[in-house]
C-alpha atoms as a PDB file:
ATOM      1  CA  UNK A   1       0.007   0.004   0.024  1.00  0.00           C
ATOM      2  CA  UNK A   2       1.330   3.423  -0.911  1.00  0.00           C
ATOM      3  CA  UNK A   3       1.805   6.104   1.765  1.00  0.00           C
ATOM      4  CA  UNK A   4       0.189   9.535   1.669  1.00  0.00           C
ATOM      5  CA  UNK A   5       2.573  11.885  -0.120  1.00  0.00           C
ATOM      6  CA  UNK A   6       3.846   9.118  -2.412  1.00  0.00           C
ATOM      7  CA  UNK A   7       4.232   9.819  -6.151  1.00  0.00           C
ATOM      8  CA  UNK A   8       1.809   7.676  -8.190  1.00  0.00           C
ATOM      9  CA  UNK A   9       2.259   6.511 -11.785  1.00  0.00           C
ATOM     10  CA  UNK A  10      -0.557   4.111 -12.617  1.00  0.00           C
ATOM     11  CA  UNK A  11      -2.417   2.869 -15.676  1.00  0.00           C
ATOM     12  CA  UNK A  12      -6.056   1.808 -15.888  1.00  0.00           C
ATOM     13  CA  UNK A  13      -9.426   2.926 -17.166  1.00  0.00           C
ATOM     14  CA  UNK A  14     -10.752   6.416 -16.507  1.00  0.00           C
ATOM     15  CA  UNK A  15     -14.306   6.253 -15.204  1.00  0.00           C
ATOM     16  CA  UNK A  16     -16.740   9.041 -14.489  1.00  0.00           C
ATOM     17  CA  UNK A  17     -19.505   8.698 -11.878  1.00  0.00           C
ATOM     18  CA  UNK A  18     -21.875  11.158 -10.312  1.00  0.00           C
ATOM     19  CA  UNK A  19     -19.281  12.446  -7.825  1.00  0.00           C
ATOM     20  CA  UNK A  20     -16.339  12.818 -10.184  1.00  0.00           C
ATOM     21  CA  UNK A  21     -13.680  10.719 -11.796  1.00  0.00           C
ATOM     22  CA  UNK A  22     -11.735   7.649 -10.733  1.00  0.00           C
ATOM     23  CA  UNK A  23      -9.052   5.338 -12.116  1.00  0.00           C
ATOM     24  CA  UNK A  24      -9.987   1.659 -12.304  1.00  0.00           C
ATOM     25  CA  UNK A  25      -6.439   0.329 -11.926  1.00  0.00           C
ATOM     26  CA  UNK A  26      -4.930  -2.358 -14.175  1.00  0.00           C
ATOM     27  CA  UNK A  27      -3.584  -3.954 -10.983  1.00  0.00           C
ATOM     28  CA  UNK A  28      -7.021  -4.050  -9.333  1.00  0.00           C
ATOM     29  CA  UNK A  29      -8.808  -1.559  -7.129  1.00  0.00           C
ATOM     30  CA  UNK A  30      -9.389   2.091  -7.850  1.00  0.00           C
ATOM     31  CA  UNK A  31      -8.267   5.586  -7.016  1.00  0.00           C
ATOM     32  CA  UNK A  32     -10.542   8.637  -6.845  1.00  0.00           C
ATOM     33  CA  UNK A  33      -8.974  11.549  -8.732  1.00  0.00           C
ATOM     34  CA  UNK A  34      -8.665  15.265  -7.994  1.00  0.00           C
ATOM     35  CA  UNK A  35      -8.266  16.863 -11.436  1.00  0.00           C
ATOM     36  CA  UNK A  36      -7.397  20.408 -12.492  1.00  0.00           C
ATOM     37  CA  UNK A  37      -8.807  19.789 -15.948  1.00  0.00           C
ATOM     38  CA  UNK A  38     -11.604  17.483 -16.973  1.00  0.00           C
ATOM     39  CA  UNK A  39     -10.286  14.856 -19.407  1.00  0.00           C
ATOM     40  CA  UNK A  40     -13.598  14.033 -21.078  1.00  0.00           C
ATOM     41  CA  UNK A  41     -11.854  12.651 -24.188  1.00  0.00           C
ATOM     42  CA  UNK A  42     -10.334   9.873 -22.063  1.00  0.00           C
ATOM     43  CA  UNK A  43     -13.497   8.673 -20.232  1.00  0.00           C
ATOM     44  CA  UNK A  44     -13.844   4.884 -20.503  1.00  0.00           C
ATOM     45  CA  UNK A  45     -10.421   4.615 -22.145  1.00  0.00           C
ATOM     46  CA  UNK A  46      -7.088   3.246 -20.905  1.00  0.00           C
ATOM     47  CA  UNK A  47      -5.029   6.040 -19.398  1.00  0.00           C
ATOM     48  CA  UNK A  48      -1.891   6.777 -17.449  1.00  0.00           C
ATOM     49  CA  UNK A  49      -2.270   8.951 -14.294  1.00  0.00           C
ATOM     50  CA  UNK A  50       0.667  10.653 -12.634  1.00  0.00           C
ATOM     51  CA  UNK A  51       0.198  12.479  -9.370  1.00  0.00           C
ATOM     52  CA  UNK A  52       0.442  12.386  -5.562  1.00  0.00           C
ATOM     53  CA  UNK A  53      -1.457  10.304  -3.072  1.00  0.00           C
ATOM     54  CA  UNK A  54      -3.183  12.860  -0.839  1.00  0.00           C
ATOM     55  CA  UNK A  55      -5.525  10.547   1.134  1.00  0.00           C
ATOM     56  CA  UNK A  56      -6.441   6.883   1.198  1.00  0.00           C
ATOM     57  CA  UNK A  57      -7.325   6.019  -2.440  1.00  0.00           C
ATOM     58  CA  UNK A  58      -7.278   9.662  -3.559  1.00  0.00           C
ATOM     59  CA  UNK A  59      -4.763  11.018  -6.104  1.00  0.00           C
ATOM     60  CA  UNK A  60      -4.178  14.705  -6.823  1.00  0.00           C
ATOM     61  CA  UNK A  61      -3.442  14.215 -10.526  1.00  0.00           C
ATOM     62  CA  UNK A  62      -0.722  16.195 -12.267  1.00  0.00           C
ATOM     63  CA  UNK A  63      -1.767  14.699 -15.566  1.00  0.00           C
ATOM     64  CA  UNK A  64      -3.977  12.165 -17.347  1.00  0.00           C
ATOM     65  CA  UNK A  65      -3.024  10.907 -20.756  1.00  0.00           C
ATOM     66  CA  UNK A  66      -3.245   7.888 -23.035  1.00  0.00           C
ATOM     67  CA  UNK A  67      -1.566   4.749 -21.714  1.00  0.00           C
END
C-alpha cells in the first residue's frame, strides 16, 4: 500500500461517476482523482495517471493521458 505523499504513476481505465472521476487500476482496485482539468476525451479509455497520493485512495493528478 502506498503512503500519503507518495508519487503515483498508474495505468487503468478512466471512469466518470456522479461524484467525479476515478481510475480503475490495471492492478485491481481504484483511485478517486482530484483533477485540475476534466479529461472528457479519455473517459472509459485506458489512461496513465501521474500524481500524488493525498488521502487513502485519492490522487491529486498532475496529468492524465493515453496509456
